[in-house]
Amino acid sequence: MIPRYQTILFGVLLAASVVMGVSLWNQLRRAHERLLEGGDSAPTQAPEVAAAEQATLMVANEADNSLEPRVLSLPLPENPEARARAVLGKLLDLYAAPDAAHPVPGGASAIAQVFLVPIAEANGKTTPSGAELAVVNLTGAFAAGHPSGLETETLTILSICATLNANLPRVTKVRYLVDGEPRATLAGHADLTRTYIAAEAQVTGGAQP
């Protein structure tokens, strides 16, 4: 017979999981509503008038399945969503280059929008640290043209997560959309239905799914 305290503990944990799941779903829904309303004010590229700043890109390398930090000077706007879009655009431009260690076509145009949504606690209040969920909306053309394979898809997903966290430390979680809609995988393998923990992507010498 299961002890009463274990039954109570299980019930509490189950209720907390349900509340957190509902909260995360509401955050994703809010970002999707903003997308449908045209609420993304981020420009396609960082304005040329933006001041140049150092940005850390976590660049994927297929030779050893690693993410390697690369510091570049980029014109970065003040708006956090525009800033996120600018650094991710540069990251994907590197992948589209002829000599890329992780060749993926598409470049900066693959990033349709980036939304930053405050993460709420179980009680509905925002976290004291101001943690944010980044919702990255990729284009369907990018997903269609991405090389298929678990490792290559995972490297792309993790490098985006790690680059966001390196430049916007408040981004602790990342979700993906394709053409504004949920999608099962990037190109048949890497899971796009889950929420990624950005800090867990900060690895070198062997990125893991």
C-alpha atoms as a PDB file:
ATOM      1  CA  MET A   1       0.000   0.000   0.000  1.00  0.00           C
ATOM      2  CA  ILE A   2       1.363   3.425  -0.948  1.00  0.00           C
ATOM      3  CA  PRO A   3       2.019   5.629   2.109  1.00  0.00           C
ATOM      4  CA  ARG A   4      -0.283   8.624   2.417  1.00  0.00           C
ATOM      5  CA  TYR A   5       2.589  11.153   2.321  1.00  0.00           C
ATOM      6  CA  GLN A   6       3.793   9.734  -0.993  1.00  0.00           C
ATOM      7  CA  THR A   7       0.306  10.053  -2.450  1.00  0.00           C
ATOM      8  CA  ILE A   8       0.121  13.684  -1.309  1.00  0.00           C
ATOM      9  CA  LEU A   9       3.609  14.432  -2.672  1.00  0.00           C
ATOM     10  CA  PHE A  10       2.728  12.891  -6.025  1.00  0.00           C
ATOM     11  CA  GLY A  11      -0.442  14.950  -6.190  1.00  0.00           C
ATOM     12  CA  VAL A  12       1.417  18.181  -5.434  1.00  0.00           C
ATOM     13  CA  LEU A  13       4.077  17.463  -8.067  1.00  0.00           C
ATOM     14  CA  LEU A  14       1.447  16.558 -10.640  1.00  0.00           C
ATOM     15  CA  ALA A  15      -0.504  19.760  -9.958  1.00  0.00           C
ATOM     16  CA  ALA A  16       2.670  21.871 -10.216  1.00  0.00           C
ATOM     17  CA  SER A  17       3.582  20.231 -13.533  1.00  0.00           C
ATOM     18  CA  VAL A  18       0.125  20.951 -14.930  1.00  0.00           C
ATOM     19  CA  VAL A  19       0.248  24.594 -13.814  1.00  0.00           C
ATOM     20  CA  MET A  20       3.719  25.119 -15.307  1.00  0.00           C
ATOM     21  CA  GLY A  21       2.671  23.446 -18.543  1.00  0.00           C
ATOM     22  CA  VAL A  22      -0.391  25.673 -18.863  1.00  0.00           C
ATOM     23  CA  SER A  23       1.703  28.765 -18.094  1.00  0.00           C
ATOM     24  CA  LEU A  24       4.275  27.910 -20.774  1.00  0.00           C
ATOM     25  CA  TRP A  25       1.535  27.191 -23.294  1.00  0.00           C
ATOM     26  CA  ASN A  26      -0.056  30.592 -22.579  1.00  0.00           C
ATOM     27  CA  GLN A  27       3.297  32.312 -23.144  1.00  0.00           C
ATOM     28  CA  LEU A  28       3.708  30.591 -26.504  1.00  0.00           C
ATOM     29  CA  ARG A  29       0.113  31.489 -27.437  1.00  0.00           C
ATOM     30  CA  ARG A  30       0.760  35.155 -26.609  1.00  0.00           C
ATOM     31  CA  ALA A  31       3.794  35.187 -28.895  1.00  0.00           C
ATOM     32  CA  HIS A  32       1.771  33.555 -31.655  1.00  0.00           C
ATOM     33  CA  GLU A  33      -0.972  36.181 -31.261  1.00  0.00           C
ATOM     34  CA  ARG A  34       1.621  38.933 -31.577  1.00  0.00           C
ATOM     35  CA  LEU A  35       2.854  37.309 -34.766  1.00  0.00           C
ATOM     36  CA  LEU A  36      -0.656  37.217 -36.242  1.00  0.00           C
ATOM     37  CA  GLU A  37      -1.242  40.849 -35.248  1.00  0.00           C
ATOM     38  CA  GLY A  38       1.987  41.930 -36.881  1.00  0.00           C
ATOM     39  CA  GLY A  39       3.371  42.905 -33.485  1.00  0.00           C
ATOM     40  CA  ASP A  40       6.992  42.246 -34.375  1.00  0.00           C
ATOM     41  CA  SER A  41       8.635  45.611 -34.895  1.00  0.00           C
ATOM     42  CA  ALA A  42      12.118  44.178 -35.449  1.00  0.00           C
ATOM     43  CA  PRO A  43      13.634  45.116 -38.818  1.00  0.00           C
ATOM     44  CA  THR A  44      14.784  42.434 -41.233  1.00  0.00           C
ATOM     45  CA  GLN A  45      18.364  43.503 -40.569  1.00  0.00           C
ATOM     46  CA  ALA A  46      19.987  45.617 -37.880  1.00  0.00           C
ATOM     47  CA  PRO A  47      19.847  49.290 -38.931  1.00  0.00           C
ATOM     48  CA  GLU A  48      23.150  50.596 -40.292  1.00  0.00           C
ATOM     49  CA  VAL A  49      22.957  53.492 -37.816  1.00  0.00           C
ATOM     50  CA  ALA A  50      23.099  51.091 -34.859  1.00  0.00           C
ATOM     51  CA  ALA A  51      26.300  51.259 -32.855  1.00  0.00           C
ATOM     52  CA  ALA A  52      28.764  48.435 -33.363  1.00  0.00           C
ATOM     53  CA  GLU A  53      29.070  46.144 -30.355  1.00  0.00           C
ATOM     54  CA  GLN A  54      30.739  42.855 -29.601  1.00  0.00           C
ATOM     55  CA  ALA A  55      28.482  39.857 -30.087  1.00  0.00           C
ATOM     56  CA  THR A  56      29.276  36.248 -29.259  1.00  0.00           C
ATOM     57  CA  LEU A  57      28.057  33.737 -31.825  1.00  0.00           C
ATOM     58  CA  MET A  58      28.044  30.071 -30.864  1.00  0.00           C
ATOM     59  CA  VAL A  59      29.035  28.609 -34.221  1.00  0.00           C
ATOM     60  CA  ALA A  60      28.422  24.948 -35.029  1.00  0.00           C
ATOM     61  CA  ASN A  61      31.246  22.778 -36.348  1.00  0.00           C
ATOM     62  CA  GLU A  62      30.295  19.453 -37.887  1.00  0.00           C
ATOM     63  CA  ALA A  63      33.870  18.128 -37.694  1.00  0.00           C
ATOM     64  CA  ASP A  64      33.435  17.377 -33.988  1.00  0.00           C
ATOM     65  CA  ASN A  65      29.768  18.305 -33.375  1.00  0.00           C
ATOM     66  CA  SER A  66      30.807  21.282 -31.255  1.00  0.00           C
ATOM     67  CA  LEU A  67      29.663  24.830 -30.669  1.00  0.00           C
ATOM     68  CA  GLU A  68      32.573  27.249 -30.793  1.00  0.00           C
ATOM     69  CA  PRO A  69      32.311  30.862 -29.557  1.00  0.00           C
ATOM     70  CA  ARG A  70      33.183  33.512 -32.132  1.00  0.00           C
ATOM     71  CA  VAL A  71      33.256  37.171 -31.089  1.00  0.00           C
ATOM     72  CA  LEU A  72      32.379  39.663 -33.827  1.00  0.00           C
ATOM     73  CA  SER A  73      31.717  43.393 -33.926  1.00  0.00           C
ATOM     74  CA  LEU A  74      28.178  43.927 -35.213  1.00  0.00           C
ATOM     75  CA  PRO A  75      25.759  46.862 -35.483  1.00  0.00           C
ATOM     76  CA  LEU A  76      23.214  45.938 -32.827  1.00  0.00           C
ATOM     77  CA  PRO A  77      19.962  47.846 -32.195  1.00  0.00           C
ATOM     78  CA  GLU A  78      18.757  48.650 -28.689  1.00  0.00           C
ATOM     79  CA  ASN A  79      15.456  46.772 -29.044  1.00  0.00           C
ATOM     80  CA  PRO A  80      16.048  43.279 -27.561  1.00  0.00           C
ATOM     81  CA  GLU A  81      13.954  41.488 -30.189  1.00  0.00           C
ATOM     82  CA  ALA A  82      15.711  43.323 -33.021  1.00  0.00           C
ATOM     83  CA  ARG A  83      19.054  42.554 -31.349  1.00  0.00           C
ATOM     84  CA  ALA A  84      18.175  38.862 -31.146  1.00  0.00           C
ATOM     85  CA  ARG A  85      17.195  38.844 -34.786  1.00  0.00           C
ATOM     86  CA  ALA A  86      20.423  40.596 -35.796  1.00  0.00           C
ATOM     87  CA  VAL A  87      22.762  38.151 -34.043  1.00  0.00           C
ATOM     88  CA  LEU A  88      20.835  35.125 -35.314  1.00  0.00           C
ATOM     89  CA  GLY A  89      20.850  36.565 -38.811  1.00  0.00           C
ATOM     90  CA  LYS A  90      24.646  36.877 -38.695  1.00  0.00           C
ATOM     91  CA  LEU A  91      24.934  33.325 -37.341  1.00  0.00           C
ATOM     92  CA  LEU A  92      22.916  31.930 -40.243  1.00  0.00           C
ATOM     93  CA  ASP A  93      24.874  34.083 -42.699  1.00  0.00           C
ATOM     94  CA  LEU A  94      28.010  32.263 -41.493  1.00  0.00           C
ATOM     95  CA  TYR A  95      26.318  28.931 -42.169  1.00  0.00           C
ATOM     96  CA  ALA A  96      25.391  30.042 -45.692  1.00  0.00           C
ATOM     97  CA  ALA A  97      29.005  30.977 -46.524  1.00  0.00           C
ATOM     98  CA  PRO A  98      30.846  28.701 -49.013  1.00  0.00           C
ATOM     99  CA  ASP A  99      33.482  27.654 -46.467  1.00  0.00           C
ATOM    100  CA  ALA A 100      31.097  27.072 -43.547  1.00  0.00           C
ATOM    101  CA  ALA A 101      31.981  24.306 -41.089  1.00  0.00           C
ATOM    102  CA  HIS A 102      28.219  23.771 -40.733  1.00  0.00           C
ATOM    103  CA  PRO A 103      26.809  24.437 -44.213  1.00  0.00           C
ATOM    104  CA  VAL A 104      23.130  25.414 -44.159  1.00  0.00           C
ATOM    105  CA  PRO A 105      21.491  27.548 -46.873  1.00  0.00           C
ATOM    106  CA  GLY A 106      19.186  30.440 -46.085  1.00  0.00           C
ATOM    107  CA  GLY A 107      21.201  33.087 -44.276  1.00  0.00           C
ATOM    108  CA  ALA A 108      19.668  35.935 -42.302  1.00  0.00           C
ATOM    109  CA  SER A 109      16.410  35.819 -44.255  1.00  0.00           C
ATOM    110  CA  ALA A 110      15.642  32.492 -42.533  1.00  0.00           C
ATOM    111  CA  ILE A 111      14.718  34.395 -39.342  1.00  0.00           C
ATOM    112  CA  ALA A 112      11.185  35.698 -39.860  1.00  0.00           C
ATOM    113  CA  GLN A 113      10.648  37.002 -36.310  1.00  0.00           C
ATOM    114  CA  VAL A 114      11.958  36.668 -32.777  1.00  0.00           C
ATOM    115  CA  PHE A 115       9.587  37.292 -29.864  1.00  0.00           C
ATOM    116  CA  LEU A 116      10.662  37.627 -26.231  1.00  0.00           C
ATOM    117  CA  VAL A 117       7.997  36.648 -23.707  1.00  0.00           C
ATOM    118  CA  PRO A 118       8.401  37.016 -19.904  1.00  0.00           C
ATOM    119  CA  ILE A 119       8.367  33.643 -18.165  1.00  0.00           C
ATOM    120  CA  ALA A 120       5.710  33.430 -15.478  1.00  0.00           C
ATOM    121  CA  GLU A 121       5.984  31.476 -12.262  1.00  0.00           C
ATOM    122  CA  ALA A 122       3.297  29.015 -11.178  1.00  0.00           C
ATOM    123  CA  ASN A 123       1.475  31.881  -9.428  1.00  0.00           C
ATOM    124  CA  GLY A 124       1.296  33.873 -12.659  1.00  0.00           C
ATOM    125  CA  LYS A 125       3.887  36.477 -11.660  1.00  0.00           C
ATOM    126  CA  THR A 126       7.016  37.049 -13.713  1.00  0.00           C
ATOM    127  CA  THR A 127      10.220  35.559 -12.342  1.00  0.00           C
ATOM    128  CA  PRO A 128      12.378  37.881 -10.161  1.00  0.00           C
ATOM    129  CA  SER A 129      15.293  37.507 -12.592  1.00  0.00           C
ATOM    130  CA  GLY A 130      13.178  38.673 -15.525  1.00  0.00           C
ATOM    131  CA  ALA A 131      13.759  35.401 -17.390  1.00  0.00           C
ATOM    132  CA  GLU A 132      12.356  35.325 -20.903  1.00  0.00           C
ATOM    133  CA  LEU A 133      11.189  32.742 -23.415  1.00  0.00           C
ATOM    134  CA  ALA A 134      12.436  33.415 -26.948  1.00  0.00           C
ATOM    135  CA  VAL A 135      10.081  32.298 -29.703  1.00  0.00           C
ATOM    136  CA  VAL A 136      12.074  31.983 -32.934  1.00  0.00           C
ATOM    137  CA  ASN A 137       9.930  31.964 -36.058  1.00  0.00           C
ATOM    138  CA  LEU A 138      11.835  30.365 -38.939  1.00  0.00           C
ATOM    139  CA  THR A 139      10.748  30.525 -42.559  1.00  0.00           C
ATOM    140  CA  GLY A 140       9.325  27.503 -44.309  1.00  0.00           C
ATOM    141  CA  ALA A 141      11.929  27.916 -47.050  1.00  0.00           C
ATOM    142  CA  PHE A 142      14.726  27.564 -44.483  1.00  0.00           C
ATOM    143  CA  ALA A 143      13.204  24.399 -43.014  1.00  0.00           C
ATOM    144  CA  ALA A 144      12.642  22.944 -46.488  1.00  0.00           C
ATOM    145  CA  GLY A 145      16.232  23.632 -47.528  1.00  0.00           C
ATOM    146  CA  HIS A 146      17.932  22.526 -44.294  1.00  0.00           C
ATOM    147  CA  PRO A 147      20.086  19.386 -44.660  1.00  0.00           C
ATOM    148  CA  SER A 148      18.328  16.391 -43.094  1.00  0.00           C
ATOM    149  CA  GLY A 149      19.955  14.471 -40.269  1.00  0.00           C
ATOM    150  CA  LEU A 150      19.721  14.394 -36.480  1.00  0.00           C
ATOM    151  CA  GLU A 151      23.201  15.782 -35.786  1.00  0.00           C
ATOM    152  CA  THR A 152      23.172  18.589 -38.356  1.00  0.00           C
ATOM    153  CA  GLU A 153      19.647  19.701 -37.401  1.00  0.00           C
ATOM    154  CA  THR A 154      20.449  19.559 -33.693  1.00  0.00           C
ATOM    155  CA  LEU A 155      23.599  21.653 -34.183  1.00  0.00           C
ATOM    156  CA  THR A 156      21.528  24.370 -35.850  1.00  0.00           C
ATOM    157  CA  ILE A 157      18.899  24.348 -33.095  1.00  0.00           C
ATOM    158  CA  LEU A 158      21.433  24.347 -30.246  1.00  0.00           C
ATOM    159  CA  SER A 159      23.612  27.024 -31.832  1.00  0.00           C
ATOM    160  CA  ILE A 160      20.600  29.341 -32.082  1.00  0.00           C
ATOM    161  CA  CYS A 161      19.729  28.676 -28.419  1.00  0.00           C
ATOM    162  CA  ALA A 162      23.306  29.206 -27.247  1.00  0.00           C
ATOM    163  CA  THR A 163      23.754  32.389 -29.298  1.00  0.00           C
ATOM    164  CA  LEU A 164      20.571  33.872 -27.851  1.00  0.00           C
ATOM    165  CA  ASN A 165      21.666  33.070 -24.298  1.00  0.00           C
ATOM    166  CA  ALA A 166      25.193  34.429 -24.881  1.00  0.00           C
ATOM    167  CA  ASN A 167      23.890  37.812 -26.053  1.00  0.00           C
ATOM    168  CA  LEU A 168      20.633  38.091 -24.128  1.00  0.00           C
ATOM    169  CA  PRO A 169      21.259  36.370 -20.765  1.00  0.00           C
ATOM    170  CA  ARG A 170      17.607  36.757 -19.762  1.00  0.00           C
ATOM    171  CA  VAL A 171      16.661  34.288 -22.494  1.00  0.00           C
ATOM    172  CA  THR A 172      16.571  31.016 -20.601  1.00  0.00           C
ATOM    173  CA  LYS A 173      14.155  29.051 -22.803  1.00  0.00           C
ATOM    174  CA  VAL A 174      13.617  28.830 -26.547  1.00  0.00           C
ATOM    175  CA  ARG A 175      10.689  27.628 -28.649  1.00  0.00           C
ATOM    176  CA  TYR A 176      10.488  27.336 -32.424  1.00  0.00           C
ATOM    177  CA  LEU A 177       7.807  28.049 -35.004  1.00  0.00           C
ATOM    178  CA  VAL A 178       7.973  27.666 -38.778  1.00  0.00           C
ATOM    179  CA  ASP A 179       5.999  30.196 -40.818  1.00  0.00           C
ATOM    180  CA  GLY A 180       4.195  31.142 -37.603  1.00  0.00           C
ATOM    181  CA  GLU A 181       2.984  27.628 -36.840  1.00  0.00           C
ATOM    182  CA  PRO A 182       4.172  24.743 -34.626  1.00  0.00           C
ATOM    183  CA  ARG A 183       6.138  22.091 -36.532  1.00  0.00           C
ATOM    184  CA  ALA A 184       7.152  18.576 -35.479  1.00  0.00           C
ATOM    185  CA  THR A 185      10.774  18.675 -36.693  1.00  0.00           C
ATOM    186  CA  LEU A 186      13.207  20.983 -38.444  1.00  0.00           C
ATOM    187  CA  ALA A 187      13.995  18.710 -41.401  1.00  0.00           C
ATOM    188  CA  GLY A 188      12.703  15.352 -40.256  1.00  0.00           C
ATOM    189  CA  HIS A 189      14.722  14.771 -37.080  1.00  0.00           C
ATOM    190  CA  ALA A 190      15.390  17.599 -34.563  1.00  0.00           C
ATOM    191  CA  ASP A 191      12.349  18.055 -32.311  1.00  0.00           C
ATOM    192  CA  LEU A 192      10.659  21.453 -32.609  1.00  0.00           C
ATOM    193  CA  THR A 193       7.766  20.602 -30.296  1.00  0.00           C
ATOM    194  CA  ARG A 194       9.833  20.879 -27.118  1.00  0.00           C
ATOM    195  CA  THR A 195      11.031  23.881 -25.146  1.00  0.00           C
ATOM    196  CA  TYR A 196      14.819  24.128 -25.177  1.00  0.00           C
ATOM    197  CA  ILE A 197      16.780  25.265 -22.117  1.00  0.00           C
ATOM    198  CA  ALA A 198      19.141  27.871 -23.539  1.00  0.00           C
ATOM    199  CA  ALA A 199      21.920  27.410 -20.975  1.00  0.00           C
ATOM    200  CA  GLU A 200      22.149  23.689 -21.747  1.00  0.00           C
ATOM    201  CA  ALA A 201      23.210  24.547 -25.290  1.00  0.00           C
ATOM    202  CA  GLN A 202      26.295  26.414 -24.052  1.00  0.00           C
ATOM    203  CA  VAL A 203      28.693  23.558 -24.786  1.00  0.00           C
ATOM    204  CA  THR A 204      31.901  23.050 -26.715  1.00  0.00           C
ATOM    205  CA  GLY A 205      33.616  19.913 -27.901  1.00  0.00           C
ATOM    206  CA  GLY A 206      30.481  17.940 -28.649  1.00  0.00           C
ATOM    207  CA  ALA A 207      26.984  19.315 -28.903  1.00  0.00           C
ATOM    208  CA  GLN A 208      24.415  16.739 -27.911  1.00  0.00           C
ATOM    209  CA  PRO A 209      20.717  16.510 -28.899  1.00  0.00           C
END
